[in-house]
Amino acid sequence: MLRTDAVLPLVLFTLLTLMLGLHGLSASGHFPREHRTAALRSLLGVVILHGTILMALTALIAGLWVPGGSSPGTRRSSLAALGRP
């Protein structure tokens, strides 16, 4: 049974995963270059694209690091779910 104090980290982790999935689709060419405006095809567009990729990766690292190992799938969260320290 899932503990109630584990619900919020699980929801936040799920939202982070969904956000990164959507960003990955948009950054990987799911929305082709031909359909972008001229401003986003320029060097500024490339900087914006790579900047958002860097920000998304930073969000992933922070989302896994800030909870201190209580994220789903980590050893600490697995042991805590079993009632062990």
C-alpha atoms as a PDB file:
ATOM      1  CA  MET A   1       0.000   0.000   0.000  1.00  0.00           C
ATOM      2  CA  LEU A   2       1.277   3.458  -0.887  1.00  0.00           C
ATOM      3  CA  ARG A   3       1.925   5.753   2.060  1.00  0.00           C
ATOM      4  CA  THR A   4       0.193   9.133   1.960  1.00  0.00           C
ATOM      5  CA  ASP A   5       3.463  11.038   2.410  1.00  0.00           C
ATOM      6  CA  ALA A   6       4.793   9.398  -0.779  1.00  0.00           C
ATOM      7  CA  VAL A   7       1.952  10.697  -2.974  1.00  0.00           C
ATOM      8  CA  LEU A   8       3.265  14.245  -3.504  1.00  0.00           C
ATOM      9  CA  PRO A   9       6.809  13.188  -4.524  1.00  0.00           C
ATOM     10  CA  LEU A  10       5.307  10.579  -6.857  1.00  0.00           C
ATOM     11  CA  VAL A  11       2.991  13.143  -8.488  1.00  0.00           C
ATOM     12  CA  LEU A  12       5.836  15.651  -8.880  1.00  0.00           C
ATOM     13  CA  PHE A  13       8.119  12.990 -10.344  1.00  0.00           C
ATOM     14  CA  THR A  14       5.380  11.977 -12.804  1.00  0.00           C
ATOM     15  CA  LEU A  15       4.830  15.590 -13.859  1.00  0.00           C
ATOM     16  CA  LEU A  16       8.572  16.091 -14.324  1.00  0.00           C
ATOM     17  CA  THR A  17       8.754  12.944 -16.447  1.00  0.00           C
ATOM     18  CA  LEU A  18       5.827  14.072 -18.605  1.00  0.00           C
ATOM     19  CA  MET A  19       7.323  17.542 -19.036  1.00  0.00           C
ATOM     20  CA  LEU A  20      10.656  16.114 -20.130  1.00  0.00           C
ATOM     21  CA  GLY A  21       8.928  13.733 -22.536  1.00  0.00           C
ATOM     22  CA  LEU A  22       7.048  16.584 -24.200  1.00  0.00           C
ATOM     23  CA  HIS A  23      10.195  18.667 -24.372  1.00  0.00           C
ATOM     24  CA  GLY A  24      12.083  15.749 -25.882  1.00  0.00           C
ATOM     25  CA  LEU A  25       9.447  15.370 -28.595  1.00  0.00           C
ATOM     26  CA  SER A  26       9.543  19.041 -29.479  1.00  0.00           C
ATOM     27  CA  ALA A  27      13.340  19.297 -29.408  1.00  0.00           C
ATOM     28  CA  SER A  28      13.996  16.108 -31.377  1.00  0.00           C
ATOM     29  CA  GLY A  29      12.313  17.289 -34.513  1.00  0.00           C
ATOM     30  CA  HIS A  30       8.767  16.216 -33.816  1.00  0.00           C
ATOM     31  CA  PHE A  31       7.943  19.778 -34.828  1.00  0.00           C
ATOM     32  CA  PRO A  32      10.075  20.165 -37.979  1.00  0.00           C
ATOM     33  CA  ARG A  33      12.257  23.143 -38.797  1.00  0.00           C
ATOM     34  CA  GLU A  34      10.211  23.946 -41.904  1.00  0.00           C
ATOM     35  CA  HIS A  35       7.199  24.812 -39.783  1.00  0.00           C
ATOM     36  CA  ARG A  36       9.082  27.222 -37.507  1.00  0.00           C
ATOM     37  CA  THR A  37       8.991  30.961 -38.018  1.00  0.00           C
ATOM     38  CA  ALA A  38      12.015  32.648 -39.589  1.00  0.00           C
ATOM     39  CA  ALA A  39      13.085  34.062 -36.218  1.00  0.00           C
ATOM     40  CA  LEU A  40      13.378  30.573 -34.721  1.00  0.00           C
ATOM     41  CA  ARG A  41      15.373  29.231 -37.693  1.00  0.00           C
ATOM     42  CA  SER A  42      18.179  31.718 -36.999  1.00  0.00           C
ATOM     43  CA  LEU A  43      21.077  31.515 -34.555  1.00  0.00           C
ATOM     44  CA  LEU A  44      18.802  32.910 -31.857  1.00  0.00           C
ATOM     45  CA  GLY A  45      16.442  29.980 -32.405  1.00  0.00           C
ATOM     46  CA  VAL A  46      19.305  27.516 -32.015  1.00  0.00           C
ATOM     47  CA  VAL A  47      20.395  29.222 -28.785  1.00  0.00           C
ATOM     48  CA  ILE A  48      16.819  29.129 -27.479  1.00  0.00           C
ATOM     49  CA  LEU A  49      16.437  25.433 -28.386  1.00  0.00           C
ATOM     50  CA  HIS A  50      19.706  24.366 -26.768  1.00  0.00           C
ATOM     51  CA  GLY A  51      19.077  26.639 -23.794  1.00  0.00           C
ATOM     52  CA  THR A  52      15.735  24.996 -23.108  1.00  0.00           C
ATOM     53  CA  ILE A  53      17.333  21.556 -23.409  1.00  0.00           C
ATOM     54  CA  LEU A  54      19.897  22.606 -20.805  1.00  0.00           C
ATOM     55  CA  MET A  55      17.131  23.956 -18.558  1.00  0.00           C
ATOM     56  CA  ALA A  56      15.127  20.724 -18.910  1.00  0.00           C
ATOM     57  CA  LEU A  57      18.150  18.605 -17.970  1.00  0.00           C
ATOM     58  CA  THR A  58      18.814  20.898 -15.014  1.00  0.00           C
ATOM     59  CA  ALA A  59      15.198  20.433 -13.910  1.00  0.00           C
ATOM     60  CA  LEU A  60      15.616  16.653 -14.165  1.00  0.00           C
ATOM     61  CA  ILE A  61      18.791  16.679 -12.074  1.00  0.00           C
ATOM     62  CA  ALA A  62      17.222  18.992  -9.490  1.00  0.00           C
ATOM     63  CA  GLY A  63      14.039  16.923  -9.434  1.00  0.00           C
ATOM     64  CA  LEU A  64      16.012  13.799  -8.629  1.00  0.00           C
ATOM     65  CA  TRP A  65      18.510  15.418  -6.266  1.00  0.00           C
ATOM     66  CA  VAL A  66      16.367  17.770  -4.151  1.00  0.00           C
ATOM     67  CA  PRO A  67      14.148  15.103  -2.553  1.00  0.00           C
ATOM     68  CA  GLY A  68      17.307  13.478  -1.235  1.00  0.00           C
ATOM     69  CA  GLY A  69      16.699  10.047  -2.667  1.00  0.00           C
ATOM     70  CA  SER A  70      12.993   9.861  -1.894  1.00  0.00           C
ATOM     71  CA  SER A  71      12.145   9.795  -5.606  1.00  0.00           C
ATOM     72  CA  PRO A  72      10.354   6.688  -6.838  1.00  0.00           C
ATOM     73  CA  GLY A  73      12.733   3.901  -7.779  1.00  0.00           C
ATOM     74  CA  THR A  74      15.614   4.945  -5.538  1.00  0.00           C
ATOM     75  CA  ARG A  75      16.996   2.641  -2.874  1.00  0.00           C
ATOM     76  CA  ARG A  76      16.085   4.977  -0.022  1.00  0.00           C
ATOM     77  CA  SER A  77      12.449   5.287  -1.155  1.00  0.00           C
ATOM     78  CA  SER A  78      12.191   1.513  -1.644  1.00  0.00           C
ATOM     79  CA  LEU A  79      13.471   0.832   1.861  1.00  0.00           C
ATOM     80  CA  ALA A  80      11.213   3.516   3.331  1.00  0.00           C
ATOM     81  CA  ALA A  81       8.201   1.922   1.640  1.00  0.00           C
ATOM     82  CA  LEU A  82       9.065  -1.291   3.453  1.00  0.00           C
ATOM     83  CA  GLY A  83       9.260   0.585   6.752  1.00  0.00           C
ATOM     84  CA  ARG A  84      13.047   0.388   7.043  1.00  0.00           C
ATOM     85  CA  PRO A  85      15.312   3.415   7.617  1.00  0.00           C
END
